[in-house]
Amino acid sequence: MTKKTILMKFKPDGTVETDAQGFVGQQCVSKVQEIISSLDPKAELKDRHFKPEFYQNATTANSTAIRR
């Protein structure tokens, strides 16, 4: 099982950058949103960039190729 980590960088202008590591697919979105909402329920999402892992699904990420 891959370790899941969310790094958060709080900037002087009030914005927060997040980097979700070890997540696959939509898992990162819900977990980051949960954390942000707990810090500030009125926080607004301004921009979102996804890493390649976002476009994988859990089955693809956990599968292993078998050769015969």
PDB file of N, CA and C in Angstrom:
ATOM      1  N   MET A   1       0.838  -1.177   0.000  1.00  0.00           N
ATOM      2  CA  MET A   1       0.000   0.000   0.000  1.00  0.00           C
ATOM      3  C   MET A   1       0.887   1.246   0.000  1.00  0.00           C
ATOM      4  N   THR A   2       0.563   2.213  -0.835  1.00  0.00           N
ATOM      5  CA  THR A   2       1.328   3.440  -0.960  1.00  0.00           C
ATOM      6  C   THR A   2       0.964   4.414   0.150  1.00  0.00           C
ATOM      7  N   LYS A   3       1.978   5.065   0.704  1.00  0.00           N
ATOM      8  CA  LYS A   3       1.751   6.078   1.727  1.00  0.00           C
ATOM      9  C   LYS A   3       1.079   7.290   1.085  1.00  0.00           C
ATOM     10  N   LYS A   4       0.057   7.800   1.723  1.00  0.00           N
ATOM     11  CA  LYS A   4      -0.673   8.960   1.218  1.00  0.00           C
ATOM     12  C   LYS A   4      -0.320  10.176   2.061  1.00  0.00           C
ATOM     13  N   THR A   5       0.093  11.249   1.374  1.00  0.00           N
ATOM     14  CA  THR A   5       0.529  12.473   2.035  1.00  0.00           C
ATOM     15  C   THR A   5      -0.075  13.667   1.312  1.00  0.00           C
ATOM     16  N   ILE A   6      -0.463  14.680   2.076  1.00  0.00           N
ATOM     17  CA  ILE A   6      -0.915  15.928   1.478  1.00  0.00           C
ATOM     18  C   ILE A   6      -0.033  17.043   2.027  1.00  0.00           C
ATOM     19  N   LEU A   7       0.717  17.674   1.129  1.00  0.00           N
ATOM     20  CA  LEU A   7       1.571  18.790   1.498  1.00  0.00           C
ATOM     21  C   LEU A   7       0.797  20.080   1.238  1.00  0.00           C
ATOM     22  N   MET A   8       0.840  20.993   2.187  1.00  0.00           N
ATOM     23  CA  MET A   8       0.116  22.255   2.032  1.00  0.00           C
ATOM     24  C   MET A   8       1.086  23.412   2.231  1.00  0.00           C
ATOM     25  N   LYS A   9       1.040  24.375   1.313  1.00  0.00           N
ATOM     26  CA  LYS A   9       1.887  25.562   1.397  1.00  0.00           C
ATOM     27  C   LYS A   9       0.969  26.777   1.515  1.00  0.00           C
ATOM     28  N   PHE A  10       1.047  27.451   2.659  1.00  0.00           N
ATOM     29  CA  PHE A  10       0.231  28.625   2.912  1.00  0.00           C
ATOM     30  C   PHE A  10       1.025  29.858   2.490  1.00  0.00           C
ATOM     31  N   LYS A  11       0.499  30.602   1.528  1.00  0.00           N
ATOM     32  CA  LYS A  11       1.209  31.750   0.972  1.00  0.00           C
ATOM     33  C   LYS A  11       0.773  33.049   1.662  1.00  0.00           C
ATOM     34  N   PRO A  12       1.634  34.061   1.625  1.00  0.00           N
ATOM     35  CA  PRO A  12       1.314  35.338   2.275  1.00  0.00           C
ATOM     36  C   PRO A  12       0.035  36.012   1.752  1.00  0.00           C
ATOM     37  N   ASP A  13      -0.318  35.741   0.492  1.00  0.00           N
ATOM     38  CA  ASP A  13      -1.526  36.365  -0.064  1.00  0.00           C
ATOM     39  C   ASP A  13      -2.814  35.640   0.330  1.00  0.00           C
ATOM     40  N   GLY A  14      -2.684  34.593   1.163  1.00  0.00           N
ATOM     41  CA  GLY A  14      -3.862  33.881   1.645  1.00  0.00           C
ATOM     42  C   GLY A  14      -4.216  32.628   0.860  1.00  0.00           C
ATOM     43  N   THR A  15      -3.517  32.397  -0.245  1.00  0.00           N
ATOM     44  CA  THR A  15      -3.791  31.195  -1.020  1.00  0.00           C
ATOM     45  C   THR A  15      -3.049  30.003  -0.420  1.00  0.00           C
ATOM     46  N   VAL A  16      -3.535  28.824  -0.759  1.00  0.00           N
ATOM     47  CA  VAL A  16      -2.926  27.587  -0.268  1.00  0.00           C
ATOM     48  C   VAL A  16      -2.668  26.688  -1.468  1.00  0.00           C
ATOM     49  N   GLU A  17      -1.434  26.218  -1.591  1.00  0.00           N
ATOM     50  CA  GLU A  17      -1.102  25.228  -2.618  1.00  0.00           C
ATOM     51  C   GLU A  17      -1.074  23.871  -1.950  1.00  0.00           C
ATOM     52  N   THR A  18      -1.658  22.876  -2.602  1.00  0.00           N
ATOM     53  CA  THR A  18      -1.643  21.518  -2.053  1.00  0.00           C
ATOM     54  C   THR A  18      -1.015  20.572  -3.058  1.00  0.00           C
ATOM     55  N   ASP A  19      -0.367  19.557  -2.549  1.00  0.00           N
ATOM     56  CA  ASP A  19       0.210  18.510  -3.384  1.00  0.00           C
ATOM     57  C   ASP A  19      -0.133  17.179  -2.732  1.00  0.00           C
ATOM     58  N   ALA A  20      -1.045  16.454  -3.340  1.00  0.00           N
ATOM     59  CA  ALA A  20      -1.475  15.156  -2.812  1.00  0.00           C
ATOM     60  C   ALA A  20      -0.598  14.081  -3.429  1.00  0.00           C
ATOM     61  N   GLN A  21       0.083  13.315  -2.576  1.00  0.00           N
ATOM     62  CA  GLN A  21       0.994  12.278  -3.043  1.00  0.00           C
ATOM     63  C   GLN A  21       0.502  10.913  -2.586  1.00  0.00           C
ATOM     64  N   GLY A  22       0.580   9.932  -3.487  1.00  0.00           N
ATOM     65  CA  GLY A  22       0.180   8.574  -3.153  1.00  0.00           C
ATOM     66  C   GLY A  22      -1.292   8.295  -3.413  1.00  0.00           C
ATOM     67  N   PHE A  23      -2.025   9.269  -3.910  1.00  0.00           N
ATOM     68  CA  PHE A  23      -3.444   9.098  -4.217  1.00  0.00           C
ATOM     69  C   PHE A  23      -3.608   8.753  -5.687  1.00  0.00           C
ATOM     70  N   VAL A  24      -4.701   8.083  -6.011  1.00  0.00           N
ATOM     71  CA  VAL A  24      -5.011   7.729  -7.391  1.00  0.00           C
ATOM     72  C   VAL A  24      -6.445   8.149  -7.670  1.00  0.00           C
ATOM     73  N   GLY A  25      -6.658   8.741  -8.839  1.00  0.00           N
ATOM     74  CA  GLY A  25      -8.009   9.134  -9.233  1.00  0.00           C
ATOM     75  C   GLY A  25      -8.587  10.232  -8.349  1.00  0.00           C
ATOM     76  N   GLN A  26      -9.878  10.165  -8.109  1.00  0.00           N
ATOM     77  CA  GLN A  26     -10.625  11.198  -7.381  1.00  0.00           C
ATOM     78  C   GLN A  26     -10.352  11.234  -5.877  1.00  0.00           C
ATOM     79  N   GLN A  27      -9.629  10.250  -5.346  1.00  0.00           N
ATOM     80  CA  GLN A  27      -9.383  10.202  -3.905  1.00  0.00           C
ATOM     81  C   GLN A  27      -8.778  11.496  -3.383  1.00  0.00           C
ATOM     82  N   CYS A  28      -7.838  12.055  -4.128  1.00  0.00           N
ATOM     83  CA  CYS A  28      -7.136  13.251  -3.668  1.00  0.00           C
ATOM     84  C   CYS A  28      -8.074  14.447  -3.555  1.00  0.00           C
ATOM     85  N   VAL A  29      -8.993  14.575  -4.495  1.00  0.00           N
ATOM     86  CA  VAL A  29      -9.899  15.722  -4.509  1.00  0.00           C
ATOM     87  C   VAL A  29     -10.751  15.764  -3.246  1.00  0.00           C
ATOM     88  N   SER A  30     -11.349  14.646  -2.896  1.00  0.00           N
ATOM     89  CA  SER A  30     -12.219  14.626  -1.722  1.00  0.00           C
ATOM     90  C   SER A  30     -11.436  14.827  -0.435  1.00  0.00           C
ATOM     91  N   LYS A  31     -10.246  14.261  -0.338  1.00  0.00           N
ATOM     92  CA  LYS A  31      -9.451  14.401   0.883  1.00  0.00           C
ATOM     93  C   LYS A  31      -8.948  15.834   1.049  1.00  0.00           C
ATOM     94  N   VAL A  32      -8.451  16.448  -0.025  1.00  0.00           N
ATOM     95  CA  VAL A  32      -7.988  17.838   0.049  1.00  0.00           C
ATOM     96  C   VAL A  32      -9.156  18.759   0.391  1.00  0.00           C
ATOM     97  N   GLN A  33     -10.301  18.552  -0.229  1.00  0.00           N
ATOM     98  CA  GLN A  33     -11.479  19.382   0.048  1.00  0.00           C
ATOM     99  C   GLN A  33     -11.903  19.253   1.510  1.00  0.00           C
ATOM    100  N   GLU A  34     -11.836  18.056   2.048  1.00  0.00           N
ATOM    101  CA  GLU A  34     -12.189  17.821   3.445  1.00  0.00           C
ATOM    102  C   GLU A  34     -11.271  18.630   4.378  1.00  0.00           C
ATOM    103  N   ILE A  35      -9.985  18.616   4.090  1.00  0.00           N
ATOM    104  CA  ILE A  35      -9.025  19.354   4.920  1.00  0.00           C
ATOM    105  C   ILE A  35      -9.239  20.862   4.791  1.00  0.00           C
ATOM    106  N   ILE A  36      -9.361  21.356   3.572  1.00  0.00           N
ATOM    107  CA  ILE A  36      -9.559  22.795   3.350  1.00  0.00           C
ATOM    108  C   ILE A  36     -10.835  23.269   4.027  1.00  0.00           C
ATOM    109  N   SER A  37     -11.916  22.511   3.898  1.00  0.00           N
ATOM    110  CA  SER A  37     -13.190  22.898   4.520  1.00  0.00           C
ATOM    111  C   SER A  37     -13.093  22.930   6.040  1.00  0.00           C
ATOM    112  N   SER A  38     -12.301  22.024   6.608  1.00  0.00           N
ATOM    113  CA  SER A  38     -12.161  22.026   8.068  1.00  0.00           C
ATOM    114  C   SER A  38     -11.346  23.229   8.540  1.00  0.00           C
ATOM    115  N   LEU A  39     -10.442  23.730   7.694  1.00  0.00           N
ATOM    116  CA  LEU A  39      -9.651  24.904   8.052  1.00  0.00           C
ATOM    117  C   LEU A  39     -10.450  26.197   7.884  1.00  0.00           C
ATOM    118  N   ASP A  40     -11.220  26.263   6.795  1.00  0.00           N
ATOM    119  CA  ASP A  40     -12.017  27.461   6.513  1.00  0.00           C
ATOM    120  C   ASP A  40     -13.233  27.068   5.675  1.00  0.00           C
ATOM    121  N   PRO A  41     -14.399  26.942   6.307  1.00  0.00           N
ATOM    122  CA  PRO A  41     -15.602  26.529   5.571  1.00  0.00           C
ATOM    123  C   PRO A  41     -15.989  27.467   4.424  1.00  0.00           C
ATOM    124  N   LYS A  42     -15.499  28.704   4.451  1.00  0.00           N
ATOM    125  CA  LYS A  42     -15.836  29.674   3.401  1.00  0.00           C
ATOM    126  C   LYS A  42     -14.789  29.737   2.300  1.00  0.00           C
ATOM    127  N   ALA A  43     -13.788  28.894   2.365  1.00  0.00           N
ATOM    128  CA  ALA A  43     -12.715  28.909   1.363  1.00  0.00           C
ATOM    129  C   ALA A  43     -13.271  28.616  -0.022  1.00  0.00           C
ATOM    130  N   GLU A  44     -12.711  29.302  -1.018  1.00  0.00           N
ATOM    131  CA  GLU A  44     -13.136  29.131  -2.401  1.00  0.00           C
ATOM    132  C   GLU A  44     -12.003  28.538  -3.228  1.00  0.00           C
ATOM    133  N   LEU A  45     -12.341  27.621  -4.108  1.00  0.00           N
ATOM    134  CA  LEU A  45     -11.378  27.028  -5.014  1.00  0.00           C
ATOM    135  C   LEU A  45     -11.156  27.987  -6.184  1.00  0.00           C
ATOM    136  N   LYS A  46      -9.916  28.374  -6.399  1.00  0.00           N
ATOM    137  CA  LYS A  46      -9.599  29.309  -7.481  1.00  0.00           C
ATOM    138  C   LYS A  46      -9.078  28.597  -8.725  1.00  0.00           C
ATOM    139  N   ASP A  47      -8.248  27.599  -8.520  1.00  0.00           N
ATOM    140  CA  ASP A  47      -7.616  26.928  -9.647  1.00  0.00           C
ATOM    141  C   ASP A  47      -7.232  25.504  -9.226  1.00  0.00           C
ATOM    142  N   ARG A  48      -7.202  24.616 -10.161  1.00  0.00           N
ATOM    143  CA  ARG A  48      -6.884  23.222  -9.855  1.00  0.00           C
ATOM    144  C   ARG A  48      -6.083  22.634 -11.014  1.00  0.00           C
ATOM    145  N   HIS A  49      -4.971  21.978 -10.679  1.00  0.00           N
ATOM    146  CA  HIS A  49      -4.141  21.299 -11.671  1.00  0.00           C
ATOM    147  C   HIS A  49      -3.980  19.857 -11.212  1.00  0.00           C
ATOM    148  N   PHE A  50      -4.162  18.930 -12.111  1.00  0.00           N
ATOM    149  CA  PHE A  50      -4.075  17.520 -11.758  1.00  0.00           C
ATOM    150  C   PHE A  50      -2.807  16.885 -12.310  1.00  0.00           C
ATOM    151  N   LYS A  51      -2.232  15.992 -11.513  1.00  0.00           N
ATOM    152  CA  LYS A  51      -1.072  15.214 -11.938  1.00  0.00           C
ATOM    153  C   LYS A  51      -1.577  13.990 -12.703  1.00  0.00           C
ATOM    154  N   PRO A  52      -0.694  13.295 -13.423  1.00  0.00           N
ATOM    155  CA  PRO A  52      -1.121  12.115 -14.195  1.00  0.00           C
ATOM    156  C   PRO A  52      -1.834  11.054 -13.360  1.00  0.00           C
ATOM    157  N   GLU A  53      -1.476  10.931 -12.077  1.00  0.00           N
ATOM    158  CA  GLU A  53      -2.106   9.941 -11.210  1.00  0.00           C
ATOM    159  C   GLU A  53      -3.612  10.155 -11.068  1.00  0.00           C
ATOM    160  N   PHE A  54      -4.052  11.392 -11.230  1.00  0.00           N
ATOM    161  CA  PHE A  54      -5.478  11.701 -11.122  1.00  0.00           C
ATOM    162  C   PHE A  54      -6.276  10.948 -12.191  1.00  0.00           C
ATOM    163  N   TYR A  55      -5.675  10.757 -13.340  1.00  0.00           N
ATOM    164  CA  TYR A  55      -6.381  10.147 -14.462  1.00  0.00           C
ATOM    165  C   TYR A  55      -6.329   8.617 -14.445  1.00  0.00           C
ATOM    166  N   GLN A  56      -5.694   8.049 -13.432  1.00  0.00           N
ATOM    167  CA  GLN A  56      -5.698   6.602 -13.256  1.00  0.00           C
ATOM    168  C   GLN A  56      -6.860   6.230 -12.349  1.00  0.00           C
ATOM    169  N   ASN A  57      -7.272   4.986 -12.432  1.00  0.00           N
ATOM    170  CA  ASN A  57      -8.249   4.524 -11.443  1.00  0.00           C
ATOM    171  C   ASN A  57      -7.532   3.558 -10.507  1.00  0.00           C
ATOM    172  N   ALA A  58      -8.119   3.276  -9.386  1.00  0.00           N
ATOM    173  CA  ALA A  58      -7.477   2.449  -8.366  1.00  0.00           C
ATOM    174  C   ALA A  58      -7.122   1.066  -8.898  1.00  0.00           C
ATOM    175  N   THR A  59      -7.943   0.496  -9.758  1.00  0.00           N
ATOM    176  CA  THR A  59      -7.686  -0.832 -10.299  1.00  0.00           C
ATOM    177  C   THR A  59      -6.443  -0.819 -11.174  1.00  0.00           C
ATOM    178  N   THR A  60      -6.313   0.172 -12.042  1.00  0.00           N
ATOM    179  CA  THR A  60      -5.156   0.274 -12.929  1.00  0.00           C
ATOM    180  C   THR A  60      -3.882   0.476 -12.125  1.00  0.00           C
ATOM    181  N   ALA A  61      -3.930   1.331 -11.119  1.00  0.00           N
ATOM    182  CA  ALA A  61      -2.740   1.644 -10.327  1.00  0.00           C
ATOM    183  C   ALA A  61      -2.260   0.450  -9.520  1.00  0.00           C
ATOM    184  N   ASN A  62      -3.155  -0.424  -9.117  1.00  0.00           N
ATOM    185  CA  ASN A  62      -2.786  -1.560  -8.279  1.00  0.00           C
ATOM    186  C   ASN A  62      -2.562  -2.845  -9.068  1.00  0.00           C
ATOM    187  N   SER A  63      -2.758  -2.812 -10.370  1.00  0.00           N
ATOM    188  CA  SER A  63      -2.620  -4.044 -11.146  1.00  0.00           C
ATOM    189  C   SER A  63      -1.151  -4.358 -11.424  1.00  0.00           C
ATOM    190  N   THR A  64      -0.876  -5.615 -11.635  1.00  0.00           N
ATOM    191  CA  THR A  64       0.469  -6.080 -11.934  1.00  0.00           C
ATOM    192  C   THR A  64       0.414  -6.881 -13.216  1.00  0.00           C
ATOM    193  N   ALA A  65       1.346  -6.605 -14.114  1.00  0.00           N
ATOM    194  CA  ALA A  65       1.405  -7.350 -15.374  1.00  0.00           C
ATOM    195  C   ALA A  65       1.999  -8.728 -15.128  1.00  0.00           C
ATOM    196  N   ILE A  66       1.416  -9.730 -15.745  1.00  0.00           N
ATOM    197  CA  ILE A  66       1.906 -11.104 -15.624  1.00  0.00           C
ATOM    198  C   ILE A  66       2.241 -11.589 -17.022  1.00  0.00           C
ATOM    199  N   ARG A  67       3.489 -12.056 -17.175  1.00  0.00           N
ATOM    200  CA  ARG A  67       3.912 -12.576 -18.470  1.00  0.00           C
ATOM    201  C   ARG A  67       3.982 -14.092 -18.402  1.00  0.00           C
ATOM    202  N   ARG A  68       3.669 -14.722 -19.527  1.00  0.00           N
ATOM    203  CA  ARG A  68       3.753 -16.186 -19.607  1.00  0.00           C
ATOM    204  C   ARG A  68       4.720 -16.566 -20.681  1.00  0.00           C
TER     205      ARG A  68
END
